[in-house]
Amino acid sequence: KTKAFASAIAATMLAGSGLNAGGMIVRVNDTTWGETGASMSAGVLTLEPEMIAIMSSEDEVAAVAAHEIVHYLRAHDEQLVASRPINLNPFKNRSGDIFDSPPAPSKREVEARWRHEYEADALSLRLLVNAGCDPEAAISALLVIQNERDTEPRYEFGRGRVDPMHPAVEARVAALRAVMAAEKMTASKRTAGALPEVYRELAGRRRSPKPEDVPASELYGHYKRPKTFVQ
């Protein structure tokens, strides 16, 4: 049901603007406890159940999906590849050690990622408006996700860290408001659709047991290293 719900939202975003994203696949992550967001990789739009569960309207879910769809439509992944130096041996990093960590992104790549985020935010507003959704949902979705990461215990280890790959939420909200003002977009009534049923199921999965009821050793168990290693 959640997959059908997510696919319908993505189709609505495209149909409203008369766009064709042939080859794009929509999936809901049902294998791991995911993040409160979404991702686009190689034409696959992945929505996390934890993201859907914390949103207060279908329009907010649509805003997150629209942002990722713009990344695909504007070929941002391909542009990022062009911003990276050519590695003649993909099995080796700059140090020559295949087990070394990958090189840090260049300034050019970081700047490209920021441009892509601002562009995806701005164009997602148009997708929302053309589909009859509330453009203000793009702002509230960002704030809901930020609040979740500021308050949920499982995000404690990453709290306060700066993400160099994304502009600050405050800057993105300001940019969204500027686009809305420039294009004379106004808030509208939000749609609920099939959310109540989907919400109950996802919220139940997410909060049973509640994170605060889970021992820290289990909550953060995936950070532990194995005590023994097999030769």
C-alpha atoms as a PDB file:
ATOM      1  CA  LYS A   1       0.000   0.000   0.000  1.00  0.00           C
ATOM      2  CA  THR A   2       2.828   2.363   0.790  1.00  0.00           C
ATOM      3  CA  LYS A   3       4.523   1.603  -2.541  1.00  0.00           C
ATOM      4  CA  ALA A   4       1.287   2.374  -4.388  1.00  0.00           C
ATOM      5  CA  PHE A   5       0.912   5.574  -2.380  1.00  0.00           C
ATOM      6  CA  ALA A   6       4.476   6.698  -3.195  1.00  0.00           C
ATOM      7  CA  SER A   7       4.149   5.806  -6.886  1.00  0.00           C
ATOM      8  CA  ALA A   8       0.901   7.780  -7.148  1.00  0.00           C
ATOM      9  CA  ILE A   9       2.531  10.864  -5.631  1.00  0.00           C
ATOM     10  CA  ALA A  10       5.464  10.695  -8.055  1.00  0.00           C
ATOM     11  CA  ALA A  11       3.091  10.240 -11.009  1.00  0.00           C
ATOM     12  CA  THR A  12       1.033  13.225  -9.878  1.00  0.00           C
ATOM     13  CA  MET A  13       4.116  15.437  -9.665  1.00  0.00           C
ATOM     14  CA  LEU A  14       5.082  14.563 -13.249  1.00  0.00           C
ATOM     15  CA  ALA A  15       1.597  14.662 -14.751  1.00  0.00           C
ATOM     16  CA  GLY A  16       0.864  18.095 -13.307  1.00  0.00           C
ATOM     17  CA  SER A  17       3.769  19.579 -15.267  1.00  0.00           C
ATOM     18  CA  GLY A  18       3.347  17.421 -18.357  1.00  0.00           C
ATOM     19  CA  LEU A  19       6.739  15.812 -17.798  1.00  0.00           C
ATOM     20  CA  ASN A  20       7.911  12.365 -18.718  1.00  0.00           C
ATOM     21  CA  ALA A  21      10.460  10.634 -16.500  1.00  0.00           C
ATOM     22  CA  GLY A  22      10.680   7.452 -18.496  1.00  0.00           C
ATOM     23  CA  GLY A  23      12.889   4.920 -16.779  1.00  0.00           C
ATOM     24  CA  MET A  24      12.447   6.339 -13.283  1.00  0.00           C
ATOM     25  CA  ILE A  25      11.590   3.739 -10.664  1.00  0.00           C
ATOM     26  CA  VAL A  26       9.822   4.485  -7.372  1.00  0.00           C
ATOM     27  CA  ARG A  27      10.505   2.284  -4.367  1.00  0.00           C
ATOM     28  CA  VAL A  28       9.880   2.375  -0.633  1.00  0.00           C
ATOM     29  CA  ASN A  29      12.704   1.178   1.571  1.00  0.00           C
ATOM     30  CA  ASP A  30      11.245  -1.821   3.395  1.00  0.00           C
ATOM     31  CA  THR A  31      14.472  -3.581   4.283  1.00  0.00           C
ATOM     32  CA  THR A  32      16.191  -1.390   6.878  1.00  0.00           C
ATOM     33  CA  TRP A  33      15.443   1.273   9.442  1.00  0.00           C
ATOM     34  CA  GLY A  34      16.095   4.215   7.184  1.00  0.00           C
ATOM     35  CA  GLU A  35      16.561   7.954   7.357  1.00  0.00           C
ATOM     36  CA  THR A  36      13.850  10.587   7.498  1.00  0.00           C
ATOM     37  CA  GLY A  37      14.249  11.550   3.876  1.00  0.00           C
ATOM     38  CA  ALA A  38      14.488  10.306   0.316  1.00  0.00           C
ATOM     39  CA  SER A  39      17.147   9.744  -2.308  1.00  0.00           C
ATOM     40  CA  MET A  40      17.598   9.554  -6.058  1.00  0.00           C
ATOM     41  CA  SER A  41      20.255   7.314  -7.534  1.00  0.00           C
ATOM     42  CA  ALA A  42      20.541   6.046 -11.106  1.00  0.00           C
ATOM     43  CA  GLY A  43      16.892   6.807 -11.779  1.00  0.00           C
ATOM     44  CA  VAL A  44      15.612   5.091  -8.636  1.00  0.00           C
ATOM     45  CA  LEU A  45      13.565   7.311  -6.312  1.00  0.00           C
ATOM     46  CA  THR A  46      13.645   5.802  -2.822  1.00  0.00           C
ATOM     47  CA  LEU A  47      11.297   7.103  -0.141  1.00  0.00           C
ATOM     48  CA  GLU A  48      11.954   6.168   3.465  1.00  0.00           C
ATOM     49  CA  PRO A  49       8.930   5.019   5.530  1.00  0.00           C
ATOM     50  CA  GLU A  50      10.321   7.003   8.473  1.00  0.00           C
ATOM     51  CA  MET A  51      10.023  10.153   6.374  1.00  0.00           C
ATOM     52  CA  ILE A  52       6.442   9.463   5.325  1.00  0.00           C
ATOM     53  CA  ALA A  53       5.449   8.648   8.905  1.00  0.00           C
ATOM     54  CA  ILE A  54       6.484  12.019  10.337  1.00  0.00           C
ATOM     55  CA  MET A  55       4.864  14.211   7.687  1.00  0.00           C
ATOM     56  CA  SER A  56       1.557  15.880   8.470  1.00  0.00           C
ATOM     57  CA  SER A  57       0.135  15.967   4.940  1.00  0.00           C
ATOM     58  CA  GLU A  58       0.402  14.303   1.567  1.00  0.00           C
ATOM     59  CA  ASP A  59       1.718  17.577   0.174  1.00  0.00           C
ATOM     60  CA  GLU A  60       4.801  17.369   2.402  1.00  0.00           C
ATOM     61  CA  VAL A  61       5.577  13.871   1.140  1.00  0.00           C
ATOM     62  CA  ALA A  62       5.030  15.178  -2.388  1.00  0.00           C
ATOM     63  CA  ALA A  63       7.476  18.036  -1.728  1.00  0.00           C
ATOM     64  CA  VAL A  64      10.227  15.608  -0.719  1.00  0.00           C
ATOM     65  CA  ALA A  65       9.516  13.418  -3.754  1.00  0.00           C
ATOM     66  CA  ALA A  66       9.406  16.446  -6.085  1.00  0.00           C
ATOM     67  CA  HIS A  67      12.833  17.580  -4.895  1.00  0.00           C
ATOM     68  CA  GLU A  68      14.352  14.202  -5.759  1.00  0.00           C
ATOM     69  CA  ILE A  69      12.495  14.017  -9.078  1.00  0.00           C
ATOM     70  CA  VAL A  70      14.068  17.328 -10.110  1.00  0.00           C
ATOM     71  CA  HIS A  71      17.508  15.843  -9.406  1.00  0.00           C
ATOM     72  CA  TYR A  72      16.654  13.136 -11.954  1.00  0.00           C
ATOM     73  CA  LEU A  73      15.051  15.418 -14.543  1.00  0.00           C
ATOM     74  CA  ARG A  74      18.003  17.813 -14.435  1.00  0.00           C
ATOM     75  CA  ALA A  75      20.574  14.986 -14.616  1.00  0.00           C
ATOM     76  CA  HIS A  76      22.370  16.189 -11.500  1.00  0.00           C
ATOM     77  CA  ASP A  77      24.139  12.858 -10.979  1.00  0.00           C
ATOM     78  CA  GLU A  78      25.672  13.086 -14.433  1.00  0.00           C
ATOM     79  CA  GLN A  79      26.769  16.658 -13.799  1.00  0.00           C
ATOM     80  CA  LEU A  80      28.470  15.619 -10.572  1.00  0.00           C
ATOM     81  CA  VAL A  81      30.449  12.961 -12.389  1.00  0.00           C
ATOM     82  CA  ALA A  82      31.700  15.659 -14.751  1.00  0.00           C
ATOM     83  CA  SER A  83      32.854  17.771 -11.795  1.00  0.00           C
ATOM     84  CA  ARG A  84      35.161  15.043 -10.476  1.00  0.00           C
ATOM     85  CA  PRO A  85      38.726  14.429 -11.643  1.00  0.00           C
ATOM     86  CA  ILE A  86      39.194  11.469 -13.928  1.00  0.00           C
ATOM     87  CA  ASN A  87      40.496   8.384 -12.126  1.00  0.00           C
ATOM     88  CA  LEU A  88      42.254   6.135 -14.629  1.00  0.00           C
ATOM     89  CA  ASN A  89      42.228   3.279 -12.125  1.00  0.00           C
ATOM     90  CA  PRO A  90      38.808   3.089 -10.441  1.00  0.00           C
ATOM     91  CA  PHE A  91      40.111   0.407  -8.064  1.00  0.00           C
ATOM     92  CA  LYS A  92      42.582   2.793  -6.459  1.00  0.00           C
ATOM     93  CA  ASN A  93      42.173   6.038  -4.573  1.00  0.00           C
ATOM     94  CA  ARG A  94      44.579   8.937  -4.713  1.00  0.00           C
ATOM     95  CA  SER A  95      46.926   7.365  -2.188  1.00  0.00           C
ATOM     96  CA  GLY A  96      47.226   4.239  -4.318  1.00  0.00           C
ATOM     97  CA  ASP A  97      45.847   2.034  -1.519  1.00  0.00           C
ATOM     98  CA  ILE A  98      42.674   0.234  -2.558  1.00  0.00           C
ATOM     99  CA  PHE A  99      41.655  -0.008   1.114  1.00  0.00           C
ATOM    100  CA  ASP A 100      42.114   3.702   1.764  1.00  0.00           C
ATOM    101  CA  SER A 101      39.083   5.928   2.275  1.00  0.00           C
ATOM    102  CA  PRO A 102      37.841   7.729  -0.848  1.00  0.00           C
ATOM    103  CA  PRO A 103      39.199  11.221  -1.486  1.00  0.00           C
ATOM    104  CA  ALA A 104      37.373  14.183  -0.058  1.00  0.00           C
ATOM    105  CA  PRO A 105      35.103  15.947  -2.558  1.00  0.00           C
ATOM    106  CA  SER A 106      36.655  18.876  -4.355  1.00  0.00           C
ATOM    107  CA  LYS A 107      35.483  22.451  -3.900  1.00  0.00           C
ATOM    108  CA  ARG A 108      34.064  22.263  -7.408  1.00  0.00           C
ATOM    109  CA  GLU A 109      31.964  19.223  -6.526  1.00  0.00           C
ATOM    110  CA  VAL A 110      30.665  20.755  -3.281  1.00  0.00           C
ATOM    111  CA  GLU A 111      29.689  23.944  -5.116  1.00  0.00           C
ATOM    112  CA  ALA A 112      27.923  21.850  -7.764  1.00  0.00           C
ATOM    113  CA  ARG A 113      26.014  19.929  -5.088  1.00  0.00           C
ATOM    114  CA  TRP A 114      24.852  23.169  -3.482  1.00  0.00           C
ATOM    115  CA  ARG A 115      23.656  24.532  -6.823  1.00  0.00           C
ATOM    116  CA  HIS A 116      21.780  21.304  -7.424  1.00  0.00           C
ATOM    117  CA  GLU A 117      20.072  21.468  -4.035  1.00  0.00           C
ATOM    118  CA  TYR A 118      18.899  25.028  -4.575  1.00  0.00           C
ATOM    119  CA  GLU A 119      17.734  24.189  -8.090  1.00  0.00           C
ATOM    120  CA  ALA A 120      15.879  21.080  -6.927  1.00  0.00           C
ATOM    121  CA  ASP A 121      14.185  23.112  -4.185  1.00  0.00           C
ATOM    122  CA  ALA A 122      13.144  25.898  -6.574  1.00  0.00           C
ATOM    123  CA  LEU A 123      11.834  23.641  -9.327  1.00  0.00           C
ATOM    124  CA  SER A 124      10.065  21.369  -6.825  1.00  0.00           C
ATOM    125  CA  LEU A 125       7.846  24.361  -6.014  1.00  0.00           C
ATOM    126  CA  ARG A 126       6.687  24.469  -9.623  1.00  0.00           C
ATOM    127  CA  LEU A 127       5.969  20.743  -9.626  1.00  0.00           C
ATOM    128  CA  LEU A 128       3.898  21.167  -6.471  1.00  0.00           C
ATOM    129  CA  VAL A 129       1.908  24.133  -7.786  1.00  0.00           C
ATOM    130  CA  ASN A 130       1.257  22.508 -11.169  1.00  0.00           C
ATOM    131  CA  ALA A 131      -0.005  19.394  -9.383  1.00  0.00           C
ATOM    132  CA  GLY A 132      -2.371  21.446  -7.213  1.00  0.00           C
ATOM    133  CA  CYS A 133      -0.346  21.005  -4.022  1.00  0.00           C
ATOM    134  CA  ASP A 134       0.617  23.603  -1.436  1.00  0.00           C
ATOM    135  CA  PRO A 135       4.083  25.017  -2.261  1.00  0.00           C
ATOM    136  CA  GLU A 136       4.523  25.965   1.389  1.00  0.00           C
ATOM    137  CA  ALA A 137       4.759  22.209   2.043  1.00  0.00           C
ATOM    138  CA  ALA A 138       8.311  22.278   0.667  1.00  0.00           C
ATOM    139  CA  ILE A 139       9.300  24.488   3.584  1.00  0.00           C
ATOM    140  CA  SER A 140       7.390  22.641   6.277  1.00  0.00           C
ATOM    141  CA  ALA A 141       8.798  19.294   5.070  1.00  0.00           C
ATOM    142  CA  LEU A 142      12.343  20.580   5.528  1.00  0.00           C
ATOM    143  CA  LEU A 143      11.530  21.851   9.006  1.00  0.00           C
ATOM    144  CA  VAL A 144       9.815  18.608  10.033  1.00  0.00           C
ATOM    145  CA  ILE A 145      12.852  16.566   8.962  1.00  0.00           C
ATOM    146  CA  GLN A 146      15.227  18.961  10.717  1.00  0.00           C
ATOM    147  CA  ASN A 147      13.187  18.810  13.925  1.00  0.00           C
ATOM    148  CA  GLU A 148      13.200  15.013  13.805  1.00  0.00           C
ATOM    149  CA  ARG A 149      16.972  14.924  13.504  1.00  0.00           C
ATOM    150  CA  ASP A 150      17.332  17.442  16.325  1.00  0.00           C
ATOM    151  CA  THR A 151      15.155  15.498  18.758  1.00  0.00           C
ATOM    152  CA  GLU A 152      15.231  11.765  17.949  1.00  0.00           C
ATOM    153  CA  PRO A 153      17.711   9.798  20.125  1.00  0.00           C
ATOM    154  CA  ARG A 154      19.020   7.761  17.205  1.00  0.00           C
ATOM    155  CA  TYR A 155      20.420  10.897  15.550  1.00  0.00           C
ATOM    156  CA  GLU A 156      22.364  11.875  18.646  1.00  0.00           C
ATOM    157  CA  PHE A 157      25.787  10.947  17.256  1.00  0.00           C
ATOM    158  CA  GLY A 158      25.401  13.128  14.173  1.00  0.00           C
ATOM    159  CA  ARG A 159      23.695  16.046  15.856  1.00  0.00           C
ATOM    160  CA  GLY A 160      25.413  19.380  15.407  1.00  0.00           C
ATOM    161  CA  ARG A 161      27.622  18.226  12.559  1.00  0.00           C
ATOM    162  CA  VAL A 162      27.705  20.351   9.428  1.00  0.00           C
ATOM    163  CA  ASP A 163      26.763  18.561   6.219  1.00  0.00           C
ATOM    164  CA  PRO A 164      29.088  20.021   3.561  1.00  0.00           C
ATOM    165  CA  MET A 165      27.048  18.465   0.761  1.00  0.00           C
ATOM    166  CA  HIS A 166      23.887  20.441   1.539  1.00  0.00           C
ATOM    167  CA  PRO A 167      23.238  24.116   2.300  1.00  0.00           C
ATOM    168  CA  ALA A 168      21.936  24.826   5.795  1.00  0.00           C
ATOM    169  CA  VAL A 169      18.199  24.314   6.237  1.00  0.00           C
ATOM    170  CA  GLU A 170      17.788  27.982   7.162  1.00  0.00           C
ATOM    171  CA  ALA A 171      19.404  29.034   3.871  1.00  0.00           C
ATOM    172  CA  ARG A 172      17.231  26.643   1.884  1.00  0.00           C
ATOM    173  CA  VAL A 173      14.060  27.898   3.569  1.00  0.00           C
ATOM    174  CA  ALA A 174      15.045  31.500   2.825  1.00  0.00           C
ATOM    175  CA  ALA A 175      15.705  30.614  -0.821  1.00  0.00           C
ATOM    176  CA  LEU A 176      12.357  28.823  -1.095  1.00  0.00           C
ATOM    177  CA  ARG A 177      10.530  31.833   0.332  1.00  0.00           C
ATOM    178  CA  ALA A 178      12.337  34.101  -2.140  1.00  0.00           C
ATOM    179  CA  VAL A 179      11.248  31.945  -5.092  1.00  0.00           C
ATOM    180  CA  MET A 180       7.677  31.832  -3.829  1.00  0.00           C
ATOM    181  CA  ALA A 181       7.621  35.614  -3.514  1.00  0.00           C
ATOM    182  CA  ALA A 182       9.211  36.183  -6.933  1.00  0.00           C
ATOM    183  CA  GLU A 183       6.765  33.831  -8.656  1.00  0.00           C
ATOM    184  CA  LYS A 184       3.812  34.985  -6.538  1.00  0.00           C
ATOM    185  CA  MET A 185       3.134  31.531  -5.104  1.00  0.00           C
ATOM    186  CA  THR A 186       0.805  31.426  -2.113  1.00  0.00           C
ATOM    187  CA  ALA A 187      -0.066  28.745   0.388  1.00  0.00           C
ATOM    188  CA  SER A 188      -3.100  26.613  -0.396  1.00  0.00           C
ATOM    189  CA  LYS A 189      -5.149  23.904   1.261  1.00  0.00           C
ATOM    190  CA  ARG A 190      -3.246  20.669   1.655  1.00  0.00           C
ATOM    191  CA  THR A 191      -4.484  17.258   0.616  1.00  0.00           C
ATOM    192  CA  ALA A 192      -4.602  14.185   2.792  1.00  0.00           C
ATOM    193  CA  GLY A 193      -5.615  11.463   0.366  1.00  0.00           C
ATOM    194  CA  ALA A 194      -4.689   8.006   1.637  1.00  0.00           C
ATOM    195  CA  LEU A 195      -2.428   9.306   4.379  1.00  0.00           C
ATOM    196  CA  PRO A 196      -4.394   8.349   7.519  1.00  0.00           C
ATOM    197  CA  GLU A 197      -4.176   4.631   6.765  1.00  0.00           C
ATOM    198  CA  VAL A 198      -0.576   4.796   5.566  1.00  0.00           C
ATOM    199  CA  TYR A 199       0.365   6.955   8.549  1.00  0.00           C
ATOM    200  CA  ARG A 200      -1.048   4.496  11.060  1.00  0.00           C
ATOM    201  CA  GLU A 201       0.909   1.606   9.619  1.00  0.00           C
ATOM    202  CA  LEU A 202       4.191   3.481   9.205  1.00  0.00           C
ATOM    203  CA  ALA A 203       3.940   5.280  12.527  1.00  0.00           C
ATOM    204  CA  GLY A 204       3.250   1.945  14.190  1.00  0.00           C
ATOM    205  CA  ARG A 205       6.353   0.434  12.620  1.00  0.00           C
ATOM    206  CA  ARG A 206       8.445   3.445  13.515  1.00  0.00           C
ATOM    207  CA  ARG A 207       7.333   3.790  17.133  1.00  0.00           C
ATOM    208  CA  SER A 208       6.973   0.197  18.240  1.00  0.00           C
ATOM    209  CA  PRO A 209       8.958   0.050  20.388  1.00  0.00           C
ATOM    210  CA  LYS A 210       9.554   3.755  20.897  1.00  0.00           C
ATOM    211  CA  PRO A 211      13.219   4.744  20.545  1.00  0.00           C
ATOM    212  CA  GLU A 212      13.313   5.975  24.137  1.00  0.00           C
ATOM    213  CA  ASP A 213      12.202   2.529  25.333  1.00  0.00           C
ATOM    214  CA  VAL A 214      15.045   0.736  23.558  1.00  0.00           C
ATOM    215  CA  PRO A 215      18.325   0.214  25.485  1.00  0.00           C
ATOM    216  CA  ALA A 216      21.181   2.321  24.132  1.00  0.00           C
ATOM    217  CA  SER A 217      23.206  -0.826  23.479  1.00  0.00           C
ATOM    218  CA  GLU A 218      20.517  -2.005  21.055  1.00  0.00           C
ATOM    219  CA  LEU A 219      19.613   1.388  19.625  1.00  0.00           C
ATOM    220  CA  TYR A 220      23.194   2.089  18.624  1.00  0.00           C
ATOM    221  CA  GLY A 221      24.221  -1.500  18.049  1.00  0.00           C
ATOM    222  CA  HIS A 222      25.052  -0.882  14.399  1.00  0.00           C
ATOM    223  CA  TYR A 223      27.913   1.388  15.490  1.00  0.00           C
ATOM    224  CA  LYS A 224      29.703  -1.450  17.254  1.00  0.00           C
ATOM    225  CA  ARG A 225      32.641  -3.256  15.754  1.00  0.00           C
ATOM    226  CA  PRO A 226      32.801  -7.028  15.931  1.00  0.00           C
ATOM    227  CA  LYS A 227      34.882  -8.323  18.819  1.00  0.00           C
ATOM    228  CA  THR A 228      36.588 -10.983  16.736  1.00  0.00           C
ATOM    229  CA  PHE A 229      37.740 -11.075  13.159  1.00  0.00           C
ATOM    230  CA  VAL A 230      37.807 -14.116  10.915  1.00  0.00           C
ATOM    231  CA  GLN A 231      41.175 -14.587   9.232  1.00  0.00           C
END
